[in-house]
């Protein structure tokens, strides 16, 4: 997967800009199913909540972004401050990989 730094949202990006980036990777297609993408994203979030660590795997990080965007869309509202902070940390990590 090619990474272009100018496509990665900046630290001050709003939710609309973050969503565009989230949807530029289709985790359902990459992992082959909704279930596998959900497993990857949910496991990552659980580990993050336990010890604030983020994966070093670009595909896993992109899966987190994609899945959280889809989850928020399904709920029909914008993510809360905690989720936005999590997503921004994931984006920042992507920039470093």
C-alpha atoms as a PDB file:
ATOM      1  CA  UNK A   1       0.000   0.000   0.000  1.00  0.00           C
ATOM      2  CA  UNK A   2       1.446   3.323  -1.042  1.00  0.00           C
ATOM      3  CA  UNK A   3       1.443   6.121   1.488  1.00  0.00           C
ATOM      4  CA  UNK A   4       1.436   9.744   0.341  1.00  0.00           C
ATOM      5  CA  UNK A   5       2.116  12.149   3.185  1.00  0.00           C
ATOM      6  CA  UNK A   6       0.147  14.966   1.578  1.00  0.00           C
ATOM      7  CA  UNK A   7      -2.999  12.773   1.657  1.00  0.00           C
ATOM      8  CA  UNK A   8      -2.777  12.200   5.416  1.00  0.00           C
ATOM      9  CA  UNK A   9      -4.881  14.683   7.409  1.00  0.00           C
ATOM     10  CA  UNK A  10      -3.063  17.249   9.515  1.00  0.00           C
ATOM     11  CA  UNK A  11      -3.341  17.321  13.318  1.00  0.00           C
ATOM     12  CA  UNK A  12      -5.997  20.040  13.170  1.00  0.00           C
ATOM     13  CA  UNK A  13      -8.162  18.270  10.565  1.00  0.00           C
ATOM     14  CA  UNK A  14     -11.907  18.340  11.115  1.00  0.00           C
ATOM     15  CA  UNK A  15     -14.151  15.267  11.043  1.00  0.00           C
ATOM     16  CA  UNK A  16     -15.041  15.758   7.363  1.00  0.00           C
ATOM     17  CA  UNK A  17     -11.374  15.666   6.334  1.00  0.00           C
ATOM     18  CA  UNK A  18     -10.676  12.681   8.586  1.00  0.00           C
ATOM     19  CA  UNK A  19     -13.625  10.799   7.067  1.00  0.00           C
ATOM     20  CA  UNK A  20     -12.293  11.298   3.549  1.00  0.00           C
ATOM     21  CA  UNK A  21      -9.017   9.704   4.566  1.00  0.00           C
ATOM     22  CA  UNK A  22     -10.763   6.900   6.475  1.00  0.00           C
ATOM     23  CA  UNK A  23     -12.718   5.945   3.384  1.00  0.00           C
ATOM     24  CA  UNK A  24      -9.696   5.915   1.074  1.00  0.00           C
ATOM     25  CA  UNK A  25      -9.002   2.350   2.253  1.00  0.00           C
ATOM     26  CA  UNK A  26     -11.676  -0.366   2.132  1.00  0.00           C
ATOM     27  CA  UNK A  27     -10.998  -2.667   5.062  1.00  0.00           C
ATOM     28  CA  UNK A  28     -13.867  -5.007   4.180  1.00  0.00           C
ATOM     29  CA  UNK A  29     -12.260  -5.629   0.816  1.00  0.00           C
ATOM     30  CA  UNK A  30      -8.711  -5.860   2.211  1.00  0.00           C
ATOM     31  CA  UNK A  31      -9.580  -8.399   4.939  1.00  0.00           C
ATOM     32  CA  UNK A  32     -12.229 -10.190   2.876  1.00  0.00           C
ATOM     33  CA  UNK A  33     -15.160  -9.636   5.213  1.00  0.00           C
ATOM     34  CA  UNK A  34     -16.920  -7.289   7.587  1.00  0.00           C
ATOM     35  CA  UNK A  35     -16.277  -9.736  10.428  1.00  0.00           C
ATOM     36  CA  UNK A  36     -12.492  -9.813   9.995  1.00  0.00           C
ATOM     37  CA  UNK A  37     -12.258  -6.025   9.627  1.00  0.00           C
ATOM     38  CA  UNK A  38     -14.375  -5.630  12.780  1.00  0.00           C
ATOM     39  CA  UNK A  39     -12.142  -8.078  14.656  1.00  0.00           C
ATOM     40  CA  UNK A  40      -8.970  -6.198  13.671  1.00  0.00           C
ATOM     41  CA  UNK A  41     -10.426  -2.781  14.523  1.00  0.00           C
ATOM     42  CA  UNK A  42     -12.044  -3.862  17.792  1.00  0.00           C
ATOM     43  CA  UNK A  43      -8.944  -5.746  18.993  1.00  0.00           C
ATOM     44  CA  UNK A  44      -6.824  -2.686  18.235  1.00  0.00           C
ATOM     45  CA  UNK A  45      -9.143  -0.371  20.174  1.00  0.00           C
ATOM     46  CA  UNK A  46      -9.246  -2.761  23.149  1.00  0.00           C
ATOM     47  CA  UNK A  47      -5.421  -2.872  23.270  1.00  0.00           C
ATOM     48  CA  UNK A  48      -5.264   0.901  22.936  1.00  0.00           C
ATOM     49  CA  UNK A  49      -7.679   1.341  25.850  1.00  0.00           C
ATOM     50  CA  UNK A  50      -5.616  -1.072  27.982  1.00  0.00           C
ATOM     51  CA  UNK A  51      -2.184   0.510  27.456  1.00  0.00           C
ATOM     52  CA  UNK A  52      -2.435   3.263  24.797  1.00  0.00           C
ATOM     53  CA  UNK A  53      -0.321   1.347  22.296  1.00  0.00           C
ATOM     54  CA  UNK A  54      -0.897   1.547  18.562  1.00  0.00           C
ATOM     55  CA  UNK A  55      -0.004  -1.020  15.940  1.00  0.00           C
ATOM     56  CA  UNK A  56       2.998  -0.539  13.672  1.00  0.00           C
ATOM     57  CA  UNK A  57       1.118  -2.222  10.830  1.00  0.00           C
ATOM     58  CA  UNK A  58      -0.192   0.244   8.246  1.00  0.00           C
ATOM     59  CA  UNK A  59      -3.055  -1.993   7.099  1.00  0.00           C
ATOM     60  CA  UNK A  60      -4.259  -2.485  10.668  1.00  0.00           C
ATOM     61  CA  UNK A  61      -4.158   1.261  11.318  1.00  0.00           C
ATOM     62  CA  UNK A  62      -6.042   1.977   8.099  1.00  0.00           C
ATOM     63  CA  UNK A  63      -8.581  -0.673   9.143  1.00  0.00           C
ATOM     64  CA  UNK A  64      -9.116   1.137  12.439  1.00  0.00           C
ATOM     65  CA  UNK A  65      -9.836   4.391  10.618  1.00  0.00           C
ATOM     66  CA  UNK A  66     -12.140   2.805   8.058  1.00  0.00           C
ATOM     67  CA  UNK A  67     -14.082   0.792  10.605  1.00  0.00           C
ATOM     68  CA  UNK A  68     -14.526   3.670  13.052  1.00  0.00           C
ATOM     69  CA  UNK A  69     -15.833   5.891  10.262  1.00  0.00           C
ATOM     70  CA  UNK A  70     -18.314   3.202   9.252  1.00  0.00           C
ATOM     71  CA  UNK A  71     -19.321   2.658  12.898  1.00  0.00           C
ATOM     72  CA  UNK A  72     -19.991   6.373  13.410  1.00  0.00           C
ATOM     73  CA  UNK A  73     -21.936   6.550  10.150  1.00  0.00           C
ATOM     74  CA  UNK A  74     -24.034   3.598  11.302  1.00  0.00           C
ATOM     75  CA  UNK A  75     -24.789   5.381  14.609  1.00  0.00           C
ATOM     76  CA  UNK A  76     -25.762   8.480  12.637  1.00  0.00           C
ATOM     77  CA  UNK A  77     -23.747  11.037  14.536  1.00  0.00           C
ATOM     78  CA  UNK A  78     -20.268  12.468  14.791  1.00  0.00           C
ATOM     79  CA  UNK A  79     -17.769  10.709  17.050  1.00  0.00           C
ATOM     80  CA  UNK A  80     -17.239  12.025  20.560  1.00  0.00           C
ATOM     81  CA  UNK A  81     -14.016  13.727  21.668  1.00  0.00           C
ATOM     82  CA  UNK A  82     -12.492  10.457  22.913  1.00  0.00           C
ATOM     83  CA  UNK A  83     -12.911   8.727  19.539  1.00  0.00           C
ATOM     84  CA  UNK A  84     -11.655  11.788  17.645  1.00  0.00           C
ATOM     85  CA  UNK A  85      -8.534  11.803  19.839  1.00  0.00           C
ATOM     86  CA  UNK A  86      -8.027   8.067  19.174  1.00  0.00           C
ATOM     87  CA  UNK A  87      -8.405   8.543  15.421  1.00  0.00           C
ATOM     88  CA  UNK A  88      -6.012  11.489  15.415  1.00  0.00           C
ATOM     89  CA  UNK A  89      -3.436   9.388  17.273  1.00  0.00           C
ATOM     90  CA  UNK A  90      -3.857   6.635  14.688  1.00  0.00           C
ATOM     91  CA  UNK A  91      -3.401   9.157  11.880  1.00  0.00           C
ATOM     92  CA  UNK A  92      -0.297  10.558  13.545  1.00  0.00           C
ATOM     93  CA  UNK A  93       1.113   7.029  13.842  1.00  0.00           C
ATOM     94  CA  UNK A  94       0.454   6.439  10.131  1.00  0.00           C
ATOM     95  CA  UNK A  95       2.486   9.528   9.336  1.00  0.00           C
ATOM     96  CA  UNK A  96       5.435   8.014  11.224  1.00  0.00           C
ATOM     97  CA  UNK A  97       5.388   4.618   9.517  1.00  0.00           C
END
